[in-house]
Amino acid sequence: MINDFLNEENKIFILPKKHDKRVVVLDFFASKIEKNKIYSEKEINQIIGDNHSFNDICLIRRELIEKSYLERSNDGREYKRLK
């Protein structure tokens, strides 16, 4: 199902509106982030940027946080994958 959202460069080209499809795309992004590793915002942005083509890093980062894929420290400096 992820192939429905990948372009020829294997980058996500759309963030679907339907929940079930959106979860598939967020799972894809989460799979690019190692568990038990602390990342800076810059590193998370780089991972997201390297894996999508519609140029909205903030939207994807917020979705990953809101859906509990990522945890962000109170000061916004550190990110960690939760699931």
N, C-alpha and C. Protein backbone atom coordinates (compact mmCIF):
# COMPACT_ATOMS: atom_id res chain seq x y z
N MET A 1 0.81 -1.20 0.00
CA MET A 1 0.00 0.00 0.00
C MET A 1 0.86 1.27 0.00
N ILE A 2 2.05 1.22 0.59
CA ILE A 2 2.93 2.39 0.60
C ILE A 2 3.31 2.81 -0.82
N ASN A 3 3.38 1.86 -1.72
CA ASN A 3 3.74 2.18 -3.11
C ASN A 3 2.77 3.15 -3.76
N ASP A 4 1.55 3.22 -3.26
CA ASP A 4 0.57 4.18 -3.78
C ASP A 4 0.98 5.62 -3.52
N PHE A 5 1.90 5.83 -2.59
CA PHE A 5 2.27 7.18 -2.17
C PHE A 5 3.73 7.52 -2.47
N LEU A 6 4.42 6.61 -3.15
CA LEU A 6 5.83 6.83 -3.49
C LEU A 6 5.97 7.22 -4.95
N ASN A 7 6.85 8.19 -5.22
CA ASN A 7 7.14 8.55 -6.60
C ASN A 7 8.28 7.68 -7.13
N GLU A 8 8.76 8.00 -8.30
CA GLU A 8 9.82 7.19 -8.93
C GLU A 8 11.14 7.23 -8.17
N GLU A 9 11.30 8.21 -7.28
CA GLU A 9 12.51 8.31 -6.45
C GLU A 9 12.31 7.67 -5.08
N ASN A 10 11.20 6.95 -4.91
CA ASN A 10 10.83 6.31 -3.64
C ASN A 10 10.67 7.33 -2.51
N LYS A 11 10.11 8.49 -2.86
CA LYS A 11 9.80 9.52 -1.89
C LYS A 11 8.29 9.70 -1.83
N ILE A 12 7.80 9.98 -0.64
CA ILE A 12 6.38 10.24 -0.45
C ILE A 12 6.02 11.53 -1.19
N PHE A 13 4.97 11.48 -2.02
CA PHE A 13 4.60 12.67 -2.78
C PHE A 13 3.31 13.33 -2.27
N ILE A 14 2.63 12.69 -1.30
CA ILE A 14 1.40 13.24 -0.75
C ILE A 14 1.17 12.68 0.65
N LEU A 15 0.55 13.50 1.50
CA LEU A 15 0.13 13.03 2.82
C LEU A 15 -1.38 12.83 2.74
N PRO A 16 -1.83 11.58 2.69
CA PRO A 16 -3.26 11.31 2.49
C PRO A 16 -4.12 11.85 3.63
N LYS A 17 -5.36 12.17 3.31
CA LYS A 17 -6.30 12.68 4.32
C LYS A 17 -6.95 11.55 5.11
N LYS A 18 -7.23 10.44 4.46
CA LYS A 18 -7.88 9.33 5.16
C LYS A 18 -6.94 8.72 6.19
N HIS A 19 -7.49 8.48 7.37
CA HIS A 19 -6.69 8.04 8.51
C HIS A 19 -5.87 6.78 8.21
N ASP A 20 -6.50 5.74 7.68
CA ASP A 20 -5.80 4.48 7.43
C ASP A 20 -4.62 4.66 6.48
N LYS A 21 -4.81 5.47 5.47
CA LYS A 21 -3.74 5.71 4.49
C LYS A 21 -2.66 6.60 5.09
N ARG A 22 -3.07 7.56 5.90
CA ARG A 22 -2.10 8.46 6.55
C ARG A 22 -1.20 7.67 7.50
N VAL A 23 -1.76 6.71 8.21
CA VAL A 23 -0.98 5.87 9.12
C VAL A 23 0.11 5.11 8.35
N VAL A 24 -0.22 4.63 7.17
CA VAL A 24 0.77 3.91 6.34
C VAL A 24 1.94 4.84 6.01
N VAL A 25 1.64 6.07 5.67
CA VAL A 25 2.70 7.04 5.32
C VAL A 25 3.50 7.42 6.56
N LEU A 26 2.85 7.64 7.69
CA LEU A 26 3.57 7.98 8.92
C LEU A 26 4.44 6.81 9.38
N ASP A 27 3.95 5.59 9.21
CA ASP A 27 4.77 4.41 9.52
C ASP A 27 6.04 4.40 8.66
N PHE A 28 5.89 4.77 7.40
CA PHE A 28 7.04 4.84 6.49
C PHE A 28 8.09 5.82 7.03
N PHE A 29 7.64 7.02 7.41
CA PHE A 29 8.59 8.00 7.95
C PHE A 29 9.22 7.50 9.25
N ALA A 30 8.41 6.93 10.12
CA ALA A 30 8.93 6.43 11.40
C ALA A 30 9.98 5.34 11.18
N SER A 31 9.80 4.54 10.14
CA SER A 31 10.76 3.47 9.87
C SER A 31 12.15 4.01 9.50
N LYS A 32 12.23 5.26 9.13
CA LYS A 32 13.51 5.89 8.77
C LYS A 32 14.23 6.46 9.99
N ILE A 33 13.56 6.42 11.15
CA ILE A 33 14.11 7.00 12.38
C ILE A 33 14.41 5.85 13.35
N GLU A 34 15.63 5.80 13.83
CA GLU A 34 16.03 4.73 14.75
C GLU A 34 15.38 4.90 16.11
N LYS A 35 14.99 3.77 16.70
CA LYS A 35 14.49 3.80 18.08
C LYS A 35 15.67 3.97 19.03
N ASN A 36 15.40 4.50 20.19
CA ASN A 36 16.40 4.67 21.26
C ASN A 36 17.56 5.56 20.87
N LYS A 37 17.34 6.45 19.92
CA LYS A 37 18.37 7.41 19.53
C LYS A 37 17.77 8.80 19.67
N ILE A 38 18.55 9.73 20.19
CA ILE A 38 18.12 11.11 20.34
C ILE A 38 18.56 11.88 19.09
N TYR A 39 17.61 12.61 18.51
CA TYR A 39 17.87 13.40 17.30
C TYR A 39 17.65 14.87 17.58
N SER A 40 18.34 15.71 16.86
CA SER A 40 18.06 17.15 16.89
C SER A 40 16.93 17.42 15.88
N GLU A 41 16.34 18.60 15.98
CA GLU A 41 15.30 18.97 15.01
C GLU A 41 15.88 18.98 13.60
N LYS A 42 17.09 19.44 13.47
CA LYS A 42 17.74 19.48 12.17
C LYS A 42 17.86 18.07 11.58
N GLU A 43 18.22 17.10 12.39
CA GLU A 43 18.36 15.71 11.92
C GLU A 43 17.01 15.13 11.51
N ILE A 44 15.97 15.40 12.31
CA ILE A 44 14.63 14.92 11.96
C ILE A 44 14.17 15.57 10.66
N ASN A 45 14.39 16.86 10.53
CA ASN A 45 14.02 17.55 9.29
C ASN A 45 14.74 16.97 8.09
N GLN A 46 15.99 16.60 8.26
CA GLN A 46 16.77 16.00 7.16
C GLN A 46 16.18 14.66 6.75
N ILE A 47 15.84 13.84 7.72
CA ILE A 47 15.24 12.52 7.43
C ILE A 47 13.93 12.71 6.68
N ILE A 48 13.09 13.60 7.17
CA ILE A 48 11.80 13.84 6.51
C ILE A 48 12.04 14.41 5.11
N GLY A 49 12.92 15.38 5.01
CA GLY A 49 13.22 16.00 3.71
C GLY A 49 13.75 15.03 2.69
N ASP A 50 14.55 14.08 3.14
CA ASP A 50 15.12 13.08 2.24
C ASP A 50 14.10 12.07 1.74
N ASN A 51 12.93 12.03 2.39
CA ASN A 51 11.97 10.97 2.08
C ASN A 51 10.61 11.47 1.62
N HIS A 52 10.51 12.74 1.25
CA HIS A 52 9.27 13.24 0.67
C HIS A 52 9.57 14.30 -0.37
N SER A 53 8.59 14.54 -1.25
CA SER A 53 8.83 15.46 -2.36
C SER A 53 7.86 16.64 -2.41
N PHE A 54 6.96 16.78 -1.43
CA PHE A 54 5.99 17.86 -1.52
C PHE A 54 6.34 19.06 -0.63
N ASN A 55 7.53 19.04 -0.05
CA ASN A 55 8.13 20.19 0.61
C ASN A 55 7.31 20.77 1.76
N ASP A 56 6.90 19.92 2.70
CA ASP A 56 6.25 20.41 3.91
C ASP A 56 6.75 19.62 5.11
N ILE A 57 7.99 19.85 5.45
CA ILE A 57 8.65 19.14 6.55
C ILE A 57 7.91 19.37 7.87
N CYS A 58 7.49 20.61 8.12
CA CYS A 58 6.81 20.93 9.39
C CYS A 58 5.52 20.14 9.55
N LEU A 59 4.75 20.00 8.50
CA LEU A 59 3.50 19.25 8.57
C LEU A 59 3.77 17.81 8.97
N ILE A 60 4.73 17.19 8.36
CA ILE A 60 5.03 15.79 8.65
C ILE A 60 5.59 15.65 10.06
N ARG A 61 6.49 16.54 10.45
CA ARG A 61 7.05 16.49 11.81
C ARG A 61 5.95 16.64 12.85
N ARG A 62 5.03 17.58 12.65
CA ARG A 62 3.91 17.76 13.58
C ARG A 62 3.03 16.52 13.65
N GLU A 63 2.75 15.93 12.50
CA GLU A 63 1.93 14.71 12.47
C GLU A 63 2.61 13.58 13.23
N LEU A 64 3.89 13.43 13.05
CA LEU A 64 4.63 12.38 13.76
C LEU A 64 4.58 12.59 15.27
N ILE A 65 4.61 13.83 15.69
CA ILE A 65 4.54 14.13 17.13
C ILE A 65 3.10 13.93 17.63
N GLU A 66 2.14 14.49 16.93
CA GLU A 66 0.74 14.40 17.36
C GLU A 66 0.23 12.96 17.42
N LYS A 67 0.73 12.13 16.53
CA LYS A 67 0.28 10.73 16.49
C LYS A 67 1.20 9.82 17.30
N SER A 68 2.06 10.42 18.11
CA SER A 68 2.95 9.71 19.06
C SER A 68 3.96 8.79 18.40
N TYR A 69 4.38 9.13 17.21
CA TYR A 69 5.51 8.43 16.60
C TYR A 69 6.81 9.00 17.14
N LEU A 70 6.79 10.31 17.41
CA LEU A 70 7.96 11.02 17.93
C LEU A 70 7.59 11.74 19.22
N GLU A 71 8.58 11.86 20.08
CA GLU A 71 8.46 12.67 21.29
C GLU A 71 9.47 13.80 21.18
N ARG A 72 9.02 15.01 21.54
CA ARG A 72 9.90 16.17 21.49
C ARG A 72 10.11 16.69 22.90
N SER A 73 11.35 17.06 23.22
CA SER A 73 11.63 17.62 24.55
C SER A 73 10.93 18.98 24.68
N ASN A 74 10.73 19.41 25.90
CA ASN A 74 10.04 20.68 26.15
C ASN A 74 10.71 21.87 25.47
N ASP A 75 12.02 21.84 25.37
CA ASP A 75 12.72 22.95 24.73
C ASP A 75 12.83 22.78 23.21
N GLY A 76 12.33 21.66 22.68
CA GLY A 76 12.31 21.44 21.23
C GLY A 76 13.65 21.06 20.62
N ARG A 77 14.61 20.76 21.46
CA ARG A 77 15.95 20.44 20.95
C ARG A 77 16.17 18.96 20.66
N GLU A 78 15.39 18.12 21.32
CA GLU A 78 15.62 16.67 21.18
C GLU A 78 14.34 15.97 20.76
N TYR A 79 14.51 14.99 19.88
CA TYR A 79 13.41 14.17 19.39
C TYR A 79 13.79 12.70 19.56
N LYS A 80 12.77 11.89 19.85
CA LYS A 80 13.01 10.47 20.02
C LYS A 80 11.81 9.72 19.44
N ARG A 81 12.09 8.64 18.72
CA ARG A 81 11.02 7.80 18.17
C ARG A 81 10.39 6.97 19.29
N LEU A 82 9.06 6.95 19.30
CA LEU A 82 8.34 6.19 20.32
C LEU A 82 7.81 4.86 19.80
N LYS A 83 7.36 4.83 18.55
CA LYS A 83 6.81 3.57 18.02
C LYS A 83 7.26 3.33 16.61
